[in-house]
Amino acid sequence: MPFTALHPDLGLLDATLPDLGHGLEWARIHKAQPRFPLTCPECAWILHPKLSGPRKRRFFCHDPGRPPSCELSNESWEHHMLKLEMAGAIRAAGWFAALEVPPRTGPGGRT
């Protein structure tokens, strides 16, 4: 369950931010017809916006057939909630927190 999705024009959308990081209302993309062109930042599979359970947490869901190797889909529910709690605490302290940032490559990068 990714909290971020890639849009071809806007870039990275973050479901944990009130404006998705781009001045957009969730209602504009959730259940929009035609669907917003969103892909997973990890595996590039097609995503769609969803709400979970009674707390209505916003997230993005892979369309059927996603690659089984996608790291964002293989994280546990506890891991997802920990990411939300940490990002919320960092933002509440006045700092910037980005979720699901791919590792840097090349000079100075990790891979």
N, C-alpha and C. Protein backbone atom coordinates (compact mmCIF):
# COMPACT_ATOMS: atom_id res chain seq x y z
N MET A 1 0.84 -1.18 0.00
CA MET A 1 0.00 0.00 0.00
C MET A 1 0.89 1.24 0.00
N PRO A 2 1.17 1.78 -1.15
CA PRO A 2 1.98 2.99 -1.20
C PRO A 2 1.20 4.22 -0.71
N PHE A 3 1.91 5.13 -0.08
CA PHE A 3 1.34 6.43 0.30
C PHE A 3 1.68 7.48 -0.74
N THR A 4 2.51 7.11 -1.71
CA THR A 4 2.89 8.04 -2.77
C THR A 4 2.59 7.42 -4.12
N ALA A 5 2.40 8.29 -5.11
CA ALA A 5 2.17 7.86 -6.48
C ALA A 5 2.79 8.88 -7.41
N LEU A 6 3.21 8.41 -8.57
CA LEU A 6 3.78 9.31 -9.57
C LEU A 6 2.73 9.71 -10.59
N HIS A 7 2.64 11.01 -10.85
CA HIS A 7 1.79 11.56 -11.90
C HIS A 7 2.73 12.06 -12.99
N PRO A 8 2.43 11.83 -14.27
CA PRO A 8 3.38 12.19 -15.33
C PRO A 8 3.70 13.69 -15.41
N ASP A 9 2.79 14.55 -15.02
CA ASP A 9 3.03 15.99 -15.10
C ASP A 9 3.38 16.60 -13.75
N LEU A 10 2.72 16.16 -12.69
CA LEU A 10 2.90 16.77 -11.37
C LEU A 10 4.07 16.18 -10.59
N GLY A 11 4.46 14.97 -10.90
CA GLY A 11 5.51 14.31 -10.13
C GLY A 11 4.91 13.51 -9.00
N LEU A 12 5.59 13.49 -7.86
CA LEU A 12 5.20 12.65 -6.74
C LEU A 12 4.03 13.25 -5.95
N LEU A 13 2.95 12.49 -5.83
CA LEU A 13 1.81 12.86 -5.00
C LEU A 13 1.92 12.10 -3.68
N ASP A 14 1.68 12.78 -2.57
CA ASP A 14 1.80 12.19 -1.24
C ASP A 14 0.44 12.20 -0.56
N ALA A 15 -0.16 11.03 -0.39
CA ALA A 15 -1.50 10.91 0.19
C ALA A 15 -1.55 11.35 1.64
N THR A 16 -0.39 11.47 2.30
CA THR A 16 -0.37 11.87 3.71
C THR A 16 -0.38 13.38 3.88
N LEU A 17 -0.24 14.13 2.79
CA LEU A 17 -0.28 15.59 2.87
C LEU A 17 -1.68 16.09 2.50
N PRO A 18 -2.16 17.12 3.18
CA PRO A 18 -3.53 17.60 2.92
C PRO A 18 -3.77 17.96 1.45
N ASP A 19 -2.76 18.51 0.79
CA ASP A 19 -2.92 18.93 -0.61
C ASP A 19 -2.15 18.02 -1.58
N LEU A 20 -1.79 16.83 -1.12
CA LEU A 20 -1.04 15.85 -1.90
C LEU A 20 0.32 16.37 -2.34
N GLY A 21 0.73 17.51 -1.78
CA GLY A 21 2.01 18.11 -2.13
C GLY A 21 1.96 18.98 -3.37
N HIS A 22 0.77 19.12 -3.95
CA HIS A 22 0.64 19.87 -5.21
C HIS A 22 -0.61 20.74 -5.26
N GLY A 23 -1.19 21.08 -4.14
CA GLY A 23 -2.38 21.92 -4.14
C GLY A 23 -3.63 21.22 -4.66
N LEU A 24 -3.66 19.90 -4.62
CA LEU A 24 -4.81 19.12 -5.10
C LEU A 24 -5.64 18.63 -3.93
N GLU A 25 -6.94 18.63 -4.10
CA GLU A 25 -7.83 18.02 -3.11
C GLU A 25 -7.95 16.54 -3.42
N TRP A 26 -7.99 15.72 -2.37
CA TRP A 26 -8.13 14.27 -2.54
C TRP A 26 -9.36 13.95 -3.39
N ALA A 27 -10.45 14.66 -3.16
CA ALA A 27 -11.69 14.40 -3.90
C ALA A 27 -11.50 14.56 -5.41
N ARG A 28 -10.52 15.34 -5.82
CA ARG A 28 -10.29 15.55 -7.25
C ARG A 28 -9.70 14.31 -7.92
N ILE A 29 -8.97 13.50 -7.15
CA ILE A 29 -8.38 12.30 -7.75
C ILE A 29 -9.07 11.01 -7.32
N HIS A 30 -9.69 11.01 -6.14
CA HIS A 30 -10.35 9.80 -5.63
C HIS A 30 -11.64 9.56 -6.39
N LYS A 31 -11.73 8.44 -7.02
CA LYS A 31 -12.90 8.03 -7.82
C LYS A 31 -13.15 8.95 -9.01
N ALA A 32 -12.12 9.65 -9.48
CA ALA A 32 -12.25 10.54 -10.64
C ALA A 32 -12.44 9.71 -11.90
N GLN A 33 -13.26 10.21 -12.80
CA GLN A 33 -13.46 9.58 -14.11
C GLN A 33 -13.24 10.63 -15.18
N PRO A 34 -12.35 10.45 -16.10
CA PRO A 34 -11.45 9.31 -16.18
C PRO A 34 -10.41 9.35 -15.05
N ARG A 35 -9.83 8.19 -14.78
CA ARG A 35 -8.86 8.10 -13.69
C ARG A 35 -7.62 8.93 -13.97
N PHE A 36 -7.05 9.45 -12.90
CA PHE A 36 -5.76 10.14 -12.99
C PHE A 36 -4.71 9.11 -13.38
N PRO A 37 -3.75 9.47 -14.24
CA PRO A 37 -2.69 8.51 -14.61
C PRO A 37 -1.63 8.44 -13.50
N LEU A 38 -1.75 7.46 -12.63
CA LEU A 38 -0.85 7.32 -11.49
C LEU A 38 -0.11 6.00 -11.57
N THR A 39 1.16 6.02 -11.22
CA THR A 39 1.96 4.80 -11.19
C THR A 39 2.74 4.71 -9.88
N CYS A 40 3.16 3.52 -9.56
CA CYS A 40 3.93 3.25 -8.34
C CYS A 40 5.37 3.75 -8.52
N PRO A 41 5.88 4.50 -7.56
CA PRO A 41 7.27 4.97 -7.67
C PRO A 41 8.30 3.84 -7.56
N GLU A 42 7.90 2.70 -7.05
CA GLU A 42 8.81 1.56 -6.89
C GLU A 42 8.82 0.66 -8.13
N CYS A 43 7.63 0.24 -8.59
CA CYS A 43 7.57 -0.76 -9.66
C CYS A 43 6.96 -0.24 -10.96
N ALA A 44 6.47 1.01 -10.96
CA ALA A 44 5.87 1.66 -12.13
C ALA A 44 4.54 1.05 -12.56
N TRP A 45 3.91 0.23 -11.69
CA TRP A 45 2.61 -0.35 -12.00
C TRP A 45 1.52 0.70 -11.79
N ILE A 46 0.38 0.55 -12.41
CA ILE A 46 -0.73 1.50 -12.30
C ILE A 46 -1.32 1.45 -10.89
N LEU A 47 -1.57 2.64 -10.33
CA LEU A 47 -2.16 2.79 -9.01
C LEU A 47 -3.48 3.54 -9.10
N HIS A 48 -4.32 3.36 -8.08
CA HIS A 48 -5.53 4.15 -7.94
C HIS A 48 -5.68 4.57 -6.48
N PRO A 49 -6.27 5.74 -6.22
CA PRO A 49 -6.44 6.22 -4.85
C PRO A 49 -7.54 5.46 -4.12
N LYS A 50 -7.30 5.19 -2.83
CA LYS A 50 -8.27 4.47 -2.00
C LYS A 50 -8.30 5.06 -0.59
N LEU A 51 -9.35 4.70 0.14
CA LEU A 51 -9.48 5.03 1.55
C LEU A 51 -9.61 3.72 2.32
N SER A 52 -8.92 3.63 3.47
CA SER A 52 -8.97 2.38 4.23
C SER A 52 -9.78 2.53 5.50
N GLY A 53 -10.55 1.50 5.79
CA GLY A 53 -11.25 1.34 7.06
C GLY A 53 -12.01 2.54 7.59
N PRO A 54 -12.40 2.45 8.85
CA PRO A 54 -13.22 3.50 9.46
C PRO A 54 -12.48 4.82 9.64
N ARG A 55 -11.13 4.77 9.70
CA ARG A 55 -10.38 6.02 9.87
C ARG A 55 -10.16 6.74 8.55
N LYS A 56 -10.53 6.09 7.44
CA LYS A 56 -10.44 6.67 6.10
C LYS A 56 -9.04 7.19 5.78
N ARG A 57 -8.05 6.34 6.04
CA ARG A 57 -6.68 6.70 5.70
C ARG A 57 -6.53 6.66 4.18
N ARG A 58 -5.91 7.69 3.65
CA ARG A 58 -5.70 7.78 2.21
C ARG A 58 -4.43 7.03 1.82
N PHE A 59 -4.51 6.30 0.72
CA PHE A 59 -3.35 5.59 0.19
C PHE A 59 -3.61 5.28 -1.28
N PHE A 60 -2.62 4.70 -1.92
CA PHE A 60 -2.74 4.30 -3.31
C PHE A 60 -2.65 2.78 -3.37
N CYS A 61 -3.42 2.20 -4.26
CA CYS A 61 -3.50 0.75 -4.37
C CYS A 61 -3.10 0.33 -5.79
N HIS A 62 -2.31 -0.73 -5.87
CA HIS A 62 -1.93 -1.27 -7.18
C HIS A 62 -3.15 -1.87 -7.87
N ASP A 63 -3.24 -1.67 -9.17
CA ASP A 63 -4.23 -2.39 -9.96
C ASP A 63 -3.82 -3.87 -9.98
N PRO A 64 -4.77 -4.75 -10.30
CA PRO A 64 -4.44 -6.19 -10.34
C PRO A 64 -3.27 -6.48 -11.28
N GLY A 65 -2.48 -7.50 -10.90
CA GLY A 65 -1.38 -7.95 -11.73
C GLY A 65 -0.04 -7.31 -11.41
N ARG A 66 0.06 -6.59 -10.30
CA ARG A 66 1.30 -5.90 -9.96
C ARG A 66 2.45 -6.90 -9.81
N PRO A 67 3.67 -6.43 -10.04
CA PRO A 67 4.82 -7.31 -9.84
C PRO A 67 4.92 -7.74 -8.38
N PRO A 68 5.10 -9.01 -8.09
CA PRO A 68 5.19 -9.47 -6.71
C PRO A 68 6.43 -8.95 -5.98
N SER A 69 7.39 -8.43 -6.71
CA SER A 69 8.63 -7.94 -6.10
C SER A 69 8.54 -6.49 -5.62
N CYS A 70 7.41 -5.81 -5.80
CA CYS A 70 7.29 -4.41 -5.40
C CYS A 70 7.44 -4.27 -3.88
N GLU A 71 8.47 -3.56 -3.46
CA GLU A 71 8.76 -3.39 -2.03
C GLU A 71 7.64 -2.64 -1.30
N LEU A 72 7.01 -1.68 -1.95
CA LEU A 72 5.96 -0.90 -1.27
C LEU A 72 4.72 -1.74 -0.98
N SER A 73 4.46 -2.74 -1.80
CA SER A 73 3.32 -3.62 -1.56
C SER A 73 3.64 -4.73 -0.58
N ASN A 74 4.91 -5.00 -0.39
CA ASN A 74 5.30 -6.10 0.48
C ASN A 74 5.57 -5.65 1.92
N GLU A 75 5.40 -4.37 2.21
CA GLU A 75 5.59 -3.89 3.58
C GLU A 75 4.38 -4.27 4.44
N SER A 76 4.63 -4.54 5.70
CA SER A 76 3.54 -4.91 6.61
C SER A 76 2.70 -3.70 6.98
N TRP A 77 1.49 -3.96 7.47
CA TRP A 77 0.60 -2.89 7.94
C TRP A 77 1.29 -2.09 9.04
N GLU A 78 2.00 -2.77 9.93
CA GLU A 78 2.72 -2.09 11.01
C GLU A 78 3.80 -1.16 10.46
N HIS A 79 4.48 -1.59 9.43
CA HIS A 79 5.51 -0.75 8.81
C HIS A 79 4.88 0.51 8.21
N HIS A 80 3.75 0.33 7.53
CA HIS A 80 3.05 1.48 6.96
C HIS A 80 2.63 2.47 8.04
N MET A 81 2.08 1.96 9.13
CA MET A 81 1.63 2.84 10.21
C MET A 81 2.81 3.54 10.89
N LEU A 82 3.93 2.84 11.02
CA LEU A 82 5.12 3.46 11.59
C LEU A 82 5.60 4.61 10.71
N LYS A 83 5.58 4.41 9.40
CA LYS A 83 5.97 5.49 8.48
C LYS A 83 5.05 6.70 8.68
N LEU A 84 3.75 6.46 8.80
CA LEU A 84 2.80 7.57 9.01
C LEU A 84 3.06 8.30 10.31
N GLU A 85 3.27 7.55 11.38
CA GLU A 85 3.52 8.17 12.69
C GLU A 85 4.81 8.98 12.68
N MET A 86 5.85 8.44 12.09
CA MET A 86 7.13 9.15 12.05
C MET A 86 7.02 10.42 11.21
N ALA A 87 6.42 10.32 10.04
CA ALA A 87 6.27 11.51 9.19
C ALA A 87 5.41 12.56 9.89
N GLY A 88 4.34 12.13 10.55
CA GLY A 88 3.48 13.07 11.27
C GLY A 88 4.22 13.79 12.39
N ALA A 89 5.02 13.06 13.14
CA ALA A 89 5.78 13.66 14.24
C ALA A 89 6.83 14.64 13.71
N ILE A 90 7.51 14.27 12.65
CA ILE A 90 8.53 15.15 12.06
C ILE A 90 7.88 16.42 11.54
N ARG A 91 6.75 16.29 10.85
CA ARG A 91 6.05 17.47 10.32
C ARG A 91 5.49 18.33 11.44
N ALA A 92 4.98 17.71 12.50
CA ALA A 92 4.44 18.47 13.64
C ALA A 92 5.54 19.28 14.33
N ALA A 93 6.76 18.80 14.24
CA ALA A 93 7.90 19.52 14.83
C ALA A 93 8.42 20.63 13.92
N GLY A 94 7.77 20.79 12.77
CA GLY A 94 8.16 21.87 11.86
C GLY A 94 9.20 21.49 10.82
N TRP A 95 9.50 20.23 10.71
CA TRP A 95 10.48 19.76 9.74
C TRP A 95 9.77 19.19 8.52
N PHE A 96 10.53 18.92 7.48
CA PHE A 96 10.02 18.32 6.26
C PHE A 96 10.24 16.81 6.31
N ALA A 97 9.24 16.04 5.94
CA ALA A 97 9.37 14.59 5.87
C ALA A 97 8.78 14.11 4.55
N ALA A 98 9.56 13.38 3.80
CA ALA A 98 9.10 12.79 2.54
C ALA A 98 9.00 11.28 2.72
N LEU A 99 7.95 10.71 2.19
CA LEU A 99 7.75 9.26 2.28
C LEU A 99 8.17 8.57 0.99
N GLU A 100 8.67 7.36 1.13
CA GLU A 100 8.93 6.47 0.00
C GLU A 100 9.83 7.10 -1.06
N VAL A 101 10.90 7.71 -0.62
CA VAL A 101 11.86 8.33 -1.51
C VAL A 101 12.80 7.25 -2.03
N PRO A 102 12.95 7.15 -3.35
CA PRO A 102 13.85 6.12 -3.87
C PRO A 102 15.30 6.43 -3.50
N PRO A 103 16.13 5.39 -3.37
CA PRO A 103 17.53 5.62 -3.05
C PRO A 103 18.24 6.36 -4.18
N ARG A 104 19.20 7.18 -3.80
CA ARG A 104 19.99 7.91 -4.79
C ARG A 104 21.00 6.96 -5.43
N THR A 105 21.27 7.19 -6.69
CA THR A 105 22.29 6.41 -7.36
C THR A 105 23.34 7.35 -7.90
N GLY A 106 24.47 6.83 -8.22
CA GLY A 106 25.56 7.66 -8.76
C GLY A 106 26.44 8.19 -7.67
N PRO A 107 27.23 9.25 -7.97
CA PRO A 107 28.17 9.80 -6.98
C PRO A 107 27.47 10.22 -5.69
N GLY A 108 27.93 9.68 -4.59
CA GLY A 108 27.34 10.01 -3.28
C GLY A 108 26.10 9.22 -2.96
N GLY A 109 25.60 8.41 -3.88
CA GLY A 109 24.39 7.64 -3.66
C GLY A 109 24.68 6.33 -2.97
N ARG A 110 23.61 5.65 -2.59
CA ARG A 110 23.74 4.40 -1.84
C ARG A 110 23.94 3.19 -2.74
N THR A 111 23.56 3.29 -4.02
CA THR A 111 23.67 2.09 -4.85
C THR A 111 24.60 2.32 -6.01
